[in-house]
PDB file of all heavy atoms in Angstrom:
ATOM      1  N   TYR A   1     -30.977  41.161  63.793  1.00  0.00           N
ATOM      2  CA  TYR A   1     -30.344  41.536  62.557  1.00  0.00           C
ATOM      3  C   TYR A   1     -31.405  41.763  61.488  1.00  0.00           C
ATOM      4  O   TYR A   1     -32.552  41.277  61.625  1.00  0.00           O
ATOM      5  CB  TYR A   1     -29.355  40.480  62.087  1.00  0.00           C
ATOM      6  CG  TYR A   1     -29.927  39.107  61.933  1.00  0.00           C
ATOM      7  CD1 TYR A   1     -30.303  38.622  60.686  1.00  0.00           C
ATOM      8  CD2 TYR A   1     -30.104  38.260  63.023  1.00  0.00           C
ATOM      9  CE1 TYR A   1     -30.836  37.354  60.524  1.00  0.00           C
ATOM     10  CE2 TYR A   1     -30.631  36.994  62.880  1.00  0.00           C
ATOM     11  CZ  TYR A   1     -30.991  36.553  61.623  1.00  0.00           C
ATOM     12  OH  TYR A   1     -31.531  35.300  61.479  1.00  0.00           O
ATOM     13  N   ARG A   2     -31.028  42.466  60.453  1.00  0.00           N
ATOM     14  CA  ARG A   2     -31.961  42.798  59.377  1.00  0.00           C
ATOM     15  C   ARG A   2     -31.824  41.856  58.198  1.00  0.00           C
ATOM     16  O   ARG A   2     -30.735  41.420  57.857  1.00  0.00           O
ATOM     17  CB  ARG A   2     -31.726  44.239  58.913  1.00  0.00           C
ATOM     18  CG  ARG A   2     -32.058  45.297  59.946  1.00  0.00           C
ATOM     19  CD  ARG A   2     -31.935  46.702  59.389  1.00  0.00           C
ATOM     20  NE  ARG A   2     -32.268  47.696  60.423  1.00  0.00           N
ATOM     21  CZ  ARG A   2     -33.495  48.089  60.701  1.00  0.00           C
ATOM     22  NH1 ARG A   2     -34.533  47.585  60.035  1.00  0.00           N
ATOM     23  NH2 ARG A   2     -33.707  49.011  61.630  1.00  0.00           N
ATOM     24  N   ASP A   3     -32.939  41.577  57.570  1.00  0.00           N
ATOM     25  CA  ASP A   3     -32.989  40.881  56.312  1.00  0.00           C
ATOM     26  C   ASP A   3     -33.750  41.816  55.371  1.00  0.00           C
ATOM     27  O   ASP A   3     -34.960  41.699  55.208  1.00  0.00           O
ATOM     28  CB  ASP A   3     -33.675  39.532  56.426  1.00  0.00           C
ATOM     29  CG  ASP A   3     -33.643  38.733  55.134  1.00  0.00           C
ATOM     30  OD1 ASP A   3     -33.283  39.291  54.080  1.00  0.00           O
ATOM     31  OD2 ASP A   3     -33.973  37.539  55.173  1.00  0.00           O
ATOM     32  N   ASN A   4     -33.029  42.755  54.797  1.00  0.00           N
ATOM     33  CA  ASN A   4     -33.692  43.809  54.039  1.00  0.00           C
ATOM     34  C   ASN A   4     -34.330  43.300  52.749  1.00  0.00           C
ATOM     35  O   ASN A   4     -35.292  43.904  52.279  1.00  0.00           O
ATOM     36  CB  ASN A   4     -32.689  44.935  53.708  1.00  0.00           C
ATOM     37  CG  ASN A   4     -32.273  45.708  54.944  1.00  0.00           C
ATOM     38  OD1 ASN A   4     -33.028  45.801  55.925  1.00  0.00           O
ATOM     39  ND2 ASN A   4     -31.086  46.253  54.926  1.00  0.00           N
ATOM     40  N   ALA A   5     -33.814  42.204  52.223  1.00  0.00           N
ATOM     41  CA  ALA A   5     -34.437  41.624  51.018  1.00  0.00           C
ATOM     42  C   ALA A   5     -35.864  41.170  51.296  1.00  0.00           C
ATOM     43  O   ALA A   5     -36.681  41.131  50.380  1.00  0.00           O
ATOM     44  CB  ALA A   5     -33.607  40.454  50.488  1.00  0.00           C
ATOM     45  N   LYS A   6     -36.137  40.807  52.534  1.00  0.00           N
ATOM     46  CA  LYS A   6     -37.482  40.406  52.948  1.00  0.00           C
ATOM     47  C   LYS A   6     -38.208  41.493  53.681  1.00  0.00           C
ATOM     48  O   LYS A   6     -39.303  41.248  54.209  1.00  0.00           O
ATOM     49  CB  LYS A   6     -37.385  39.133  53.790  1.00  0.00           C
ATOM     50  CG  LYS A   6     -36.834  37.940  53.046  1.00  0.00           C
ATOM     51  CD  LYS A   6     -36.795  36.723  53.931  1.00  0.00           C
ATOM     52  CE  LYS A   6     -36.243  35.533  53.174  1.00  0.00           C
ATOM     53  NZ  LYS A   6     -36.174  34.313  54.039  1.00  0.00           N
ATOM     54  N   ASN A   7     -37.611  42.677  53.764  1.00  0.00           N
ATOM     55  CA  ASN A   7     -38.202  43.787  54.512  1.00  0.00           C
ATOM     56  C   ASN A   7     -38.505  43.343  55.935  1.00  0.00           C
ATOM     57  O   ASN A   7     -39.599  43.550  56.489  1.00  0.00           O
ATOM     58  CB  ASN A   7     -39.480  44.299  53.827  1.00  0.00           C
ATOM     59  CG  ASN A   7     -39.860  45.709  54.252  1.00  0.00           C
ATOM     60  OD1 ASN A   7     -39.036  46.471  54.722  1.00  0.00           O
ATOM     61  ND2 ASN A   7     -41.135  46.047  54.074  1.00  0.00           N
ATOM     62  N   ALA A   8     -37.478  42.748  56.563  1.00  0.00           N
ATOM     63  CA  ALA A   8     -37.685  42.080  57.838  1.00  0.00           C
ATOM     64  C   ALA A   8     -36.549  42.368  58.812  1.00  0.00           C
ATOM     65  O   ALA A   8     -35.433  42.748  58.436  1.00  0.00           O
ATOM     66  CB  ALA A   8     -37.812  40.563  57.639  1.00  0.00           C
ATOM     67  N   VAL A   9     -36.874  42.169  60.092  1.00  0.00           N
ATOM     68  CA  VAL A   9     -35.880  42.124  61.169  1.00  0.00           C
ATOM     69  C   VAL A   9     -36.107  40.829  61.903  1.00  0.00           C
ATOM     70  O   VAL A   9     -37.213  40.517  62.314  1.00  0.00           O
ATOM     71  CB  VAL A   9     -36.013  43.331  62.100  1.00  0.00           C
ATOM     72  CG1 VAL A   9     -35.171  43.127  63.359  1.00  0.00           C
ATOM     73  CG2 VAL A   9     -35.571  44.611  61.412  1.00  0.00           C
ATOM     74  N   ASN A  10     -35.023  40.063  62.074  1.00  0.00           N
ATOM     75  CA  ASN A  10     -35.118  38.786  62.742  1.00  0.00           C
ATOM     76  C   ASN A  10     -34.541  38.886  64.157  1.00  0.00           C
ATOM     77  O   ASN A  10     -33.730  39.763  64.462  1.00  0.00           O
ATOM     78  CB  ASN A  10     -34.354  37.706  61.969  1.00  0.00           C
ATOM     79  CG  ASN A  10     -34.964  37.434  60.624  1.00  0.00           C
ATOM     80  OD1 ASN A  10     -36.164  37.681  60.398  1.00  0.00           O
ATOM     81  ND2 ASN A  10     -34.171  36.899  59.712  1.00  0.00           N
ATOM     82  N   LEU A  11     -34.951  37.964  64.986  1.00  0.00           N
ATOM     83  CA  LEU A  11     -34.417  37.810  66.324  1.00  0.00           C
ATOM     84  C   LEU A  11     -34.103  36.356  66.563  1.00  0.00           C
ATOM     85  O   LEU A  11     -35.023  35.532  66.603  1.00  0.00           O
ATOM     86  CB  LEU A  11     -35.409  38.311  67.382  1.00  0.00           C
ATOM     87  CG  LEU A  11     -34.899  38.393  68.796  1.00  0.00           C
ATOM     88  CD1 LEU A  11     -33.964  39.599  68.976  1.00  0.00           C
ATOM     89  CD2 LEU A  11     -36.050  38.511  69.797  1.00  0.00           C
ATOM     90  N   ASP A  12     -32.812  36.029  66.677  1.00  0.00           N
ATOM     91  CA  ASP A  12     -32.395  34.684  66.979  1.00  0.00           C
ATOM     92  C   ASP A  12     -32.313  34.506  68.479  1.00  0.00           C
ATOM     93  O   ASP A  12     -31.631  35.277  69.166  1.00  0.00           O
ATOM     94  CB  ASP A  12     -31.028  34.363  66.374  1.00  0.00           C
ATOM     95  CG  ASP A  12     -31.063  34.121  64.882  1.00  0.00           C
ATOM     96  OD1 ASP A  12     -32.193  34.065  64.317  1.00  0.00           O
ATOM     97  OD2 ASP A  12     -30.006  33.981  64.255  1.00  0.00           O
ATOM     98  N   LEU A  13     -33.028  33.526  68.983  1.00  0.00           N
ATOM     99  CA  LEU A  13     -33.057  33.199  70.397  1.00  0.00           C
ATOM    100  C   LEU A  13     -32.356  31.881  70.613  1.00  0.00           C
ATOM    101  O   LEU A  13     -32.737  30.876  70.036  1.00  0.00           O
ATOM    102  CB  LEU A  13     -34.484  33.126  70.918  1.00  0.00           C
ATOM    103  CG  LEU A  13     -35.386  34.343  70.709  1.00  0.00           C
ATOM    104  CD1 LEU A  13     -36.799  34.036  71.076  1.00  0.00           C
ATOM    105  CD2 LEU A  13     -34.855  35.512  71.523  1.00  0.00           C
ATOM    106  N   ASP A  14     -31.329  31.864  71.454  1.00  0.00           N
ATOM    107  CA  ASP A  14     -30.565  30.662  71.750  1.00  0.00           C
ATOM    108  C   ASP A  14     -30.584  30.377  73.239  1.00  0.00           C
ATOM    109  O   ASP A  14     -30.793  31.273  74.050  1.00  0.00           O
ATOM    110  CB  ASP A  14     -29.100  30.819  71.306  1.00  0.00           C
ATOM    111  CG  ASP A  14     -28.960  31.000  69.797  1.00  0.00           C
ATOM    112  OD1 ASP A  14     -29.642  30.273  69.050  1.00  0.00           O
ATOM    113  OD2 ASP A  14     -28.162  31.885  69.399  1.00  0.00           O
ATOM    114  N   ASP A  15     -30.356  29.118  73.562  1.00  0.00           N
ATOM    115  CA  ASP A  15     -30.299  28.676  74.975  1.00  0.00           C
ATOM    116  C   ASP A  15     -31.534  29.206  75.723  1.00  0.00           C
ATOM    117  O   ASP A  15     -31.408  29.840  76.787  1.00  0.00           O
ATOM    118  CB  ASP A  15     -28.995  29.167  75.607  1.00  0.00           C
ATOM    119  CG  ASP A  15     -28.768  28.550  76.988  1.00  0.00           C
ATOM    120  OD1 ASP A  15     -29.323  27.455  77.240  1.00  0.00           O
ATOM    121  OD2 ASP A  15     -28.025  29.148  77.793  1.00  0.00           O
ATOM    122  N   LEU A  16     -32.677  28.932  75.193  1.00  0.00           N
ATOM    123  CA  LEU A  16     -33.907  29.473  75.765  1.00  0.00           C
ATOM    124  C   LEU A  16     -34.159  28.895  77.136  1.00  0.00           C
ATOM    125  O   LEU A  16     -33.944  27.702  77.393  1.00  0.00           O
ATOM    126  CB  LEU A  16     -35.079  29.207  74.836  1.00  0.00           C
ATOM    127  CG  LEU A  16     -35.139  30.153  73.633  1.00  0.00           C
ATOM    128  CD1 LEU A  16     -36.047  29.580  72.554  1.00  0.00           C
ATOM    129  CD2 LEU A  16     -35.625  31.530  74.066  1.00  0.00           C
ATOM    130  N   LYS A  17     -34.688  29.714  77.996  1.00  0.00           N
ATOM    131  CA  LYS A  17     -35.006  29.352  79.374  1.00  0.00           C
ATOM    132  C   LYS A  17     -36.505  29.516  79.593  1.00  0.00           C
ATOM    133  O   LYS A  17     -37.171  30.282  78.873  1.00  0.00           O
ATOM    134  CB  LYS A  17     -34.238  30.249  80.337  1.00  0.00           C
ATOM    135  CG  LYS A  17     -32.734  30.264  80.089  1.00  0.00           C
ATOM    136  CD  LYS A  17     -32.014  31.233  81.019  1.00  0.00           C
ATOM    137  CE  LYS A  17     -30.549  31.351  80.676  1.00  0.00           C
ATOM    138  NZ  LYS A  17     -29.867  30.032  80.728  1.00  0.00           N
ATOM    139  N   PRO A  18     -37.051  28.801  80.573  1.00  0.00           N
ATOM    140  CA  PRO A  18     -38.478  28.976  80.834  1.00  0.00           C
ATOM    141  C   PRO A  18     -38.882  30.415  81.072  1.00  0.00           C
ATOM    142  O   PRO A  18     -39.988  30.812  80.703  1.00  0.00           O
ATOM    143  CB  PRO A  18     -38.687  28.105  82.085  1.00  0.00           C
ATOM    144  CG  PRO A  18     -37.672  27.041  81.963  1.00  0.00           C
ATOM    145  CD  PRO A  18     -36.469  27.706  81.376  1.00  0.00           C
ATOM    146  N   ASP A  19     -37.998  31.215  81.651  1.00  0.00           N
ATOM    147  CA  ASP A  19     -38.300  32.605  81.898  1.00  0.00           C
ATOM    148  C   ASP A  19     -38.356  33.447  80.617  1.00  0.00           C
ATOM    149  O   ASP A  19     -38.824  34.589  80.661  1.00  0.00           O
ATOM    150  CB  ASP A  19     -37.254  33.203  82.846  1.00  0.00           C
ATOM    151  CG  ASP A  19     -37.630  34.584  83.352  1.00  0.00           C
ATOM    152  OD1 ASP A  19     -38.739  34.718  83.917  1.00  0.00           O
ATOM    153  OD2 ASP A  19     -36.821  35.532  83.165  1.00  0.00           O
ATOM    154  N   ASP A  20     -37.910  32.883  79.505  1.00  0.00           N
ATOM    155  CA  ASP A  20     -37.993  33.598  78.236  1.00  0.00           C
ATOM    156  C   ASP A  20     -39.364  33.460  77.574  1.00  0.00           C
ATOM    157  O   ASP A  20     -39.634  34.111  76.560  1.00  0.00           O
ATOM    158  CB  ASP A  20     -36.958  33.074  77.251  1.00  0.00           C
ATOM    159  CG  ASP A  20     -35.543  33.356  77.691  1.00  0.00           C
ATOM    160  OD1 ASP A  20     -35.270  34.497  78.161  1.00  0.00           O
ATOM    161  OD2 ASP A  20     -34.676  32.468  77.543  1.00  0.00           O
ATOM    162  N   ALA A  21     -40.215  32.625  78.095  1.00  0.00           N
ATOM    163  CA  ALA A  21     -41.506  32.359  77.482  1.00  0.00           C
ATOM    164  C   ALA A  21     -42.417  33.573  77.510  1.00  0.00           C
ATOM    165  O   ALA A  21     -42.356  34.388  78.464  1.00  0.00           O
ATOM    166  CB  ALA A  21     -42.194  31.189  78.150  1.00  0.00           C
ATOM    167  N   GLY A  22     -43.190  33.741  76.494  1.00  0.00           N
ATOM    168  CA  GLY A  22     -44.138  34.834  76.413  1.00  0.00           C
ATOM    169  C   GLY A  22     -44.495  35.123  74.986  1.00  0.00           C
ATOM    170  O   GLY A  22     -44.091  34.422  74.053  1.00  0.00           O
ATOM    171  N   VAL A  23     -45.240  36.171  74.781  1.00  0.00           N
ATOM    172  CA  VAL A  23     -45.580  36.641  73.453  1.00  0.00           C
ATOM    173  C   VAL A  23     -44.553  37.670  73.032  1.00  0.00           C
ATOM    174  O   VAL A  23     -44.311  38.657  73.754  1.00  0.00           O
ATOM    175  CB  VAL A  23     -46.995  37.219  73.402  1.00  0.00           C
ATOM    176  CG1 VAL A  23     -47.320  37.708  71.985  1.00  0.00           C
ATOM    177  CG2 VAL A  23     -48.029  36.190  73.825  1.00  0.00           C
ATOM    178  N   TYR A  24     -43.922  37.449  71.893  1.00  0.00           N
ATOM    179  CA  TYR A  24     -42.905  38.333  71.398  1.00  0.00           C
ATOM    180  C   TYR A  24     -43.489  39.216  70.297  1.00  0.00           C
ATOM    181  O   TYR A  24     -44.149  38.742  69.372  1.00  0.00           O
ATOM    182  CB  TYR A  24     -41.716  37.540  70.857  1.00  0.00           C
ATOM    183  CG  TYR A  24     -40.818  37.021  71.944  1.00  0.00           C
ATOM    184  CD1 TYR A  24     -41.241  36.040  72.828  1.00  0.00           C
ATOM    185  CD2 TYR A  24     -39.536  37.560  72.117  1.00  0.00           C
ATOM    186  CE1 TYR A  24     -40.435  35.579  73.847  1.00  0.00           C
ATOM    187  CE2 TYR A  24     -38.722  37.102  73.140  1.00  0.00           C
ATOM    188  CZ  TYR A  24     -39.174  36.119  74.002  1.00  0.00           C
ATOM    189  OH  TYR A  24     -38.351  35.664  74.999  1.00  0.00           O
ATOM    190  N   TYR A  25     -43.225  40.512  70.403  1.00  0.00           N
ATOM    191  CA  TYR A  25     -43.713  41.497  69.488  1.00  0.00           C
ATOM    192  C   TYR A  25     -42.568  42.293  68.876  1.00  0.00           C
ATOM    193  O   TYR A  25     -41.551  42.506  69.536  1.00  0.00           O
ATOM    194  CB  TYR A  25     -44.632  42.528  70.196  1.00  0.00           C
ATOM    195  CG  TYR A  25     -45.816  41.965  70.890  1.00  0.00           C
ATOM    196  CD1 TYR A  25     -45.730  41.502  72.216  1.00  0.00           C
ATOM    197  CD2 TYR A  25     -47.047  41.922  70.280  1.00  0.00           C
ATOM    198  CE1 TYR A  25     -46.808  41.001  72.889  1.00  0.00           C
ATOM    199  CE2 TYR A  25     -48.163  41.431  70.949  1.00  0.00           C
ATOM    200  CZ  TYR A  25     -48.042  40.970  72.239  1.00  0.00           C
ATOM    201  OH  TYR A  25     -49.148  40.484  72.902  1.00  0.00           O
ATOM    202  N   CYS A  26     -42.732  42.724  67.645  1.00  0.00           N
ATOM    203  CA  CYS A  26     -41.826  43.706  67.071  1.00  0.00           C
ATOM    204  C   CYS A  26     -42.560  45.020  66.890  1.00  0.00           C
ATOM    205  O   CYS A  26     -43.791  45.069  66.864  1.00  0.00           O
ATOM    206  CB  CYS A  26     -41.215  43.214  65.755  1.00  0.00           C
ATOM    207  SG  CYS A  26     -42.386  42.944  64.414  1.00  0.00           S
ATOM    208  N   ALA A  27     -41.791  46.086  66.770  1.00  0.00           N
ATOM    209  CA  ALA A  27     -42.369  47.413  66.622  1.00  0.00           C
ATOM    210  C   ALA A  27     -41.311  48.351  66.040  1.00  0.00           C
ATOM    211  O   ALA A  27     -40.114  48.172  66.227  1.00  0.00           O
ATOM    212  CB  ALA A  27     -42.867  47.940  67.966  1.00  0.00           C
ATOM    213  N   THR A  28     -41.791  49.384  65.398  1.00  0.00           N
ATOM    214  CA  THR A  28     -40.904  50.400  64.852  1.00  0.00           C
ATOM    215  C   THR A  28     -40.662  51.499  65.847  1.00  0.00           C
ATOM    216  O   THR A  28     -41.499  51.817  66.715  1.00  0.00           O
ATOM    217  CB  THR A  28     -41.501  51.021  63.573  1.00  0.00           C
ATOM    218  OG1 THR A  28     -42.793  51.557  63.839  1.00  0.00           O
ATOM    219  CG2 THR A  28     -41.615  49.989  62.461  1.00  0.00           C
ATOM    220  N   VAL A  29     -39.479  52.103  65.731  1.00  0.00           N
ATOM    221  CA  VAL A  29     -39.091  53.260  66.517  1.00  0.00           C
ATOM    222  C   VAL A  29     -39.393  54.525  65.725  1.00  0.00           C
ATOM    223  O   VAL A  29     -39.032  54.630  64.562  1.00  0.00           O
ATOM    224  CB  VAL A  29     -37.598  53.215  66.868  1.00  0.00           C
ATOM    225  CG1 VAL A  29     -37.168  54.465  67.637  1.00  0.00           C
ATOM    226  CG2 VAL A  29     -37.261  51.965  67.666  1.00  0.00           C
ATOM    227  N   MET A  30     -40.048  55.450  66.343  1.00  0.00           N
ATOM    228  CA  MET A  30     -40.389  56.715  65.699  1.00  0.00           C
ATOM    229  C   MET A  30     -39.577  57.862  66.317  1.00  0.00           C
ATOM    230  O   MET A  30     -39.263  57.842  67.499  1.00  0.00           O
ATOM    231  CB  MET A  30     -41.891  56.994  65.885  1.00  0.00           C
ATOM    232  CG  MET A  30     -42.778  55.992  65.151  1.00  0.00           C
ATOM    233  SD  MET A  30     -42.558  56.082  63.373  1.00  0.00           S
ATOM    234  CE  MET A  30     -43.335  57.653  63.001  1.00  0.00           C
ATOM    235  N   PRO A  31     -39.268  58.889  65.519  1.00  0.00           N
ATOM    236  CA  PRO A  31     -39.551  58.999  64.096  1.00  0.00           C
ATOM    237  C   PRO A  31     -38.545  58.241  63.243  1.00  0.00           C
ATOM    238  O   PRO A  31     -37.667  57.571  63.791  1.00  0.00           O
ATOM    239  CB  PRO A  31     -39.435  60.509  63.852  1.00  0.00           C
ATOM    240  CG  PRO A  31     -38.378  60.936  64.816  1.00  0.00           C
ATOM    241  CD  PRO A  31     -38.594  60.108  66.050  1.00  0.00           C
ATOM    242  N   ARG A  32     -38.689  58.350  61.951  1.00  0.00           N
ATOM    243  CA  ARG A  32     -37.801  57.669  61.020  1.00  0.00           C
ATOM    244  C   ARG A  32     -36.337  57.956  61.325  1.00  0.00           C
ATOM    245  O   ARG A  32     -35.929  59.083  61.566  1.00  0.00           O
ATOM    246  CB  ARG A  32     -38.144  58.128  59.599  1.00  0.00           C
ATOM    247  CG  ARG A  32     -37.398  57.439  58.489  1.00  0.00           C
ATOM    248  CD  ARG A  32     -37.887  57.951  57.139  1.00  0.00           C
ATOM    249  NE  ARG A  32     -39.316  57.627  56.956  1.00  0.00           N
ATOM    250  CZ  ARG A  32     -40.095  58.206  56.060  1.00  0.00           C
ATOM    251  NH1 ARG A  32     -39.619  59.164  55.283  1.00  0.00           N
ATOM    252  NH2 ARG A  32     -41.368  57.848  55.962  1.00  0.00           N
ATOM    253  N   ARG A  33     -35.553  56.871  61.387  1.00  0.00           N
ATOM    254  CA  ARG A  33     -34.096  56.902  61.590  1.00  0.00           C
ATOM    255  C   ARG A  33     -33.687  57.338  62.995  1.00  0.00           C
ATOM    256  O   ARG A  33     -32.505  57.591  63.232  1.00  0.00           O
ATOM    257  CB  ARG A  33     -33.399  57.740  60.543  1.00  0.00           C
ATOM    258  CG  ARG A  33     -33.553  57.189  59.150  1.00  0.00           C
ATOM    259  CD  ARG A  33     -32.583  57.797  58.163  1.00  0.00           C
ATOM    260  NE  ARG A  33     -32.733  57.186  56.849  1.00  0.00           N
ATOM    261  CZ  ARG A  33     -32.167  56.039  56.495  1.00  0.00           C
ATOM    262  NH1 ARG A  33     -31.413  55.372  57.334  1.00  0.00           N
ATOM    263  NH2 ARG A  33     -32.374  55.564  55.265  1.00  0.00           N
ATOM    264  N   ARG A  34     -34.607  57.381  63.911  1.00  0.00           N
ATOM    265  CA  ARG A  34     -34.236  57.672  65.296  1.00  0.00           C
ATOM    266  C   ARG A  34     -33.386  56.536  65.855  1.00  0.00           C
ATOM    267  O   ARG A  34     -33.751  55.372  65.697  1.00  0.00           O
ATOM    268  CB  ARG A  34     -35.499  57.858  66.136  1.00  0.00           C
ATOM    269  CG  ARG A  34     -35.221  58.172  67.610  1.00  0.00           C
ATOM    270  CD  ARG A  34     -36.492  58.275  68.387  1.00  0.00           C
ATOM    271  NE  ARG A  34     -36.255  58.687  69.760  1.00  0.00           N
ATOM    272  CZ  ARG A  34     -37.008  59.557  70.425  1.00  0.00           C
ATOM    273  NH1 ARG A  34     -38.076  60.091  69.867  1.00  0.00           N
ATOM    274  NH2 ARG A  34     -36.682  59.866  71.679  1.00  0.00           N
ATOM    275  N   PRO A  35     -32.310  56.860  66.533  1.00  0.00           N
ATOM    276  CA  PRO A  35     -31.520  55.792  67.161  1.00  0.00           C
ATOM    277  C   PRO A  35     -32.336  55.069  68.219  1.00  0.00           C
ATOM    278  O   PRO A  35     -33.240  55.618  68.839  1.00  0.00           O
ATOM    279  CB  PRO A  35     -30.333  56.526  67.762  1.00  0.00           C
ATOM    280  CG  PRO A  35     -30.252  57.824  67.038  1.00  0.00           C
ATOM    281  CD  PRO A  35     -31.679  58.192  66.709  1.00  0.00           C
ATOM    282  N   CYS A  36     -31.945  53.825  68.480  1.00  0.00           N
ATOM    283  CA  CYS A  36     -32.613  53.087  69.538  1.00  0.00           C
ATOM    284  C   CYS A  36     -32.356  53.747  70.886  1.00  0.00           C
ATOM    285  O   CYS A  36     -31.217  53.958  71.261  1.00  0.00           O
ATOM    286  CB  CYS A  36     -32.110  51.650  69.579  1.00  0.00           C
ATOM    287  SG  CYS A  36     -32.628  50.626  68.184  1.00  0.00           S
ATOM    288  N   PRO A  37     -33.414  54.078  71.609  1.00  0.00           N
ATOM    289  CA  PRO A  37     -33.217  54.639  72.942  1.00  0.00           C
ATOM    290  C   PRO A  37     -33.014  53.526  73.963  1.00  0.00           C
ATOM    291  O   PRO A  37     -32.977  52.347  73.642  1.00  0.00           O
ATOM    292  CB  PRO A  37     -34.520  55.405  73.168  1.00  0.00           C
ATOM    293  CG  PRO A  37     -35.548  54.589  72.422  1.00  0.00           C
ATOM    294  CD  PRO A  37     -34.842  54.034  71.228  1.00  0.00           C
ATOM    295  N   SER A  38     -32.935  53.954  75.216  1.00  0.00           N
ATOM    296  CA  SER A  38     -32.767  52.999  76.309  1.00  0.00           C
ATOM    297  C   SER A  38     -33.896  51.960  76.299  1.00  0.00           C
ATOM    298  O   SER A  38     -35.080  52.310  76.240  1.00  0.00           O
ATOM    299  CB  SER A  38     -32.757  53.731  77.638  1.00  0.00           C
ATOM    300  OG  SER A  38     -32.844  52.827  78.720  1.00  0.00           O
ATOM    301  N   LEU A  39     -33.522  50.683  76.364  1.00  0.00           N
ATOM    302  CA  LEU A  39     -34.541  49.629  76.411  1.00  0.00           C
ATOM    303  C   LEU A  39     -35.328  49.697  77.704  1.00  0.00           C
ATOM    304  O   LEU A  39     -36.540  49.470  77.689  1.00  0.00           O
ATOM    305  CB  LEU A  39     -33.884  48.256  76.306  1.00  0.00           C
ATOM    306  CG  LEU A  39     -33.098  47.922  75.049  1.00  0.00           C
ATOM    307  CD1 LEU A  39     -32.587  46.499  75.126  1.00  0.00           C
ATOM    308  CD2 LEU A  39     -33.931  48.138  73.785  1.00  0.00           C
ATOM    309  N   GLU A  40     -34.668  50.022  78.777  1.00  0.00           N
ATOM    310  CA  GLU A  40     -35.285  49.948  80.089  1.00  0.00           C
ATOM    311  C   GLU A  40     -36.265  51.083  80.358  1.00  0.00           C
ATOM    312  O   GLU A  40     -37.222  50.901  81.091  1.00  0.00           O
ATOM    313  CB  GLU A  40     -34.193  49.953  81.167  1.00  0.00           C
ATOM    314  CG  GLU A  40     -33.355  48.679  81.215  1.00  0.00           C
ATOM    315  CD  GLU A  40     -32.286  48.645  80.129  1.00  0.00           C
ATOM    316  OE1 GLU A  40     -32.010  49.710  79.528  1.00  0.00           O
ATOM    317  OE2 GLU A  40     -31.707  47.570  79.890  1.00  0.00           O
ATOM    318  N   SER A  41     -36.026  52.249  79.788  1.00  0.00           N
ATOM    319  CA  SER A  41     -36.806  53.422  80.178  1.00  0.00           C
ATOM    320  C   SER A  41     -37.507  54.150  79.046  1.00  0.00           C
ATOM    321  O   SER A  41     -38.534  54.796  79.299  1.00  0.00           O
ATOM    322  CB  SER A  41     -35.912  54.407  80.949  1.00  0.00           C
ATOM    323  OG  SER A  41     -34.862  54.851  80.150  1.00  0.00           O
ATOM    324  N   ASP A  42     -37.016  54.058  77.833  1.00  0.00           N
ATOM    325  CA  ASP A  42     -37.490  54.956  76.784  1.00  0.00           C
ATOM    326  C   ASP A  42     -38.104  54.280  75.548  1.00  0.00           C
ATOM    327  O   ASP A  42     -38.953  54.895  74.885  1.00  0.00           O
ATOM    328  CB  ASP A  42     -36.358  55.850  76.301  1.00  0.00           C
ATOM    329  CG  ASP A  42     -35.831  56.776  77.387  1.00  0.00           C
ATOM    330  OD1 ASP A  42     -36.627  57.211  78.220  1.00  0.00           O
ATOM    331  OD2 ASP A  42     -34.614  57.070  77.374  1.00  0.00           O
ATOM    332  N   LEU A  43     -37.696  53.078  75.230  1.00  0.00           N
ATOM    333  CA  LEU A  43     -38.095  52.507  73.944  1.00  0.00           C
ATOM    334  C   LEU A  43     -39.608  52.368  73.817  1.00  0.00           C
ATOM    335  O   LEU A  43     -40.180  52.684  72.774  1.00  0.00           O
ATOM    336  CB  LEU A  43     -37.432  51.133  73.731  1.00  0.00           C
ATOM    337  CG  LEU A  43     -37.734  50.425  72.419  1.00  0.00           C
ATOM    338  CD1 LEU A  43     -37.398  51.337  71.240  1.00  0.00           C
ATOM    339  CD2 LEU A  43     -36.952  49.144  72.313  1.00  0.00           C
ATOM    340  N   LEU A  44     -40.272  51.941  74.852  1.00  0.00           N
ATOM    341  CA  LEU A  44     -41.712  51.768  74.801  1.00  0.00           C
ATOM    342  C   LEU A  44     -42.460  53.050  74.567  1.00  0.00           C
ATOM    343  O   LEU A  44     -43.644  53.037  74.185  1.00  0.00           O
ATOM    344  CB  LEU A  44     -42.215  51.090  76.072  1.00  0.00           C
ATOM    345  CG  LEU A  44     -42.109  49.567  76.113  1.00  0.00           C
ATOM    346  CD1 LEU A  44     -42.341  49.066  77.529  1.00  0.00           C
ATOM    347  CD2 LEU A  44     -43.096  48.941  75.149  1.00  0.00           C
TER     348      LEU A  44
END
């Protein structure tokens, strides 16, 4: 979800599992206002 007052996007993680461990990164989607593409094949 977005917190626009802080110019931020948050990610709430619940019921965390050992397999969830790792380094978490955020990134912008280009170009401006492009819809989110497929997570599995296109977002990266």
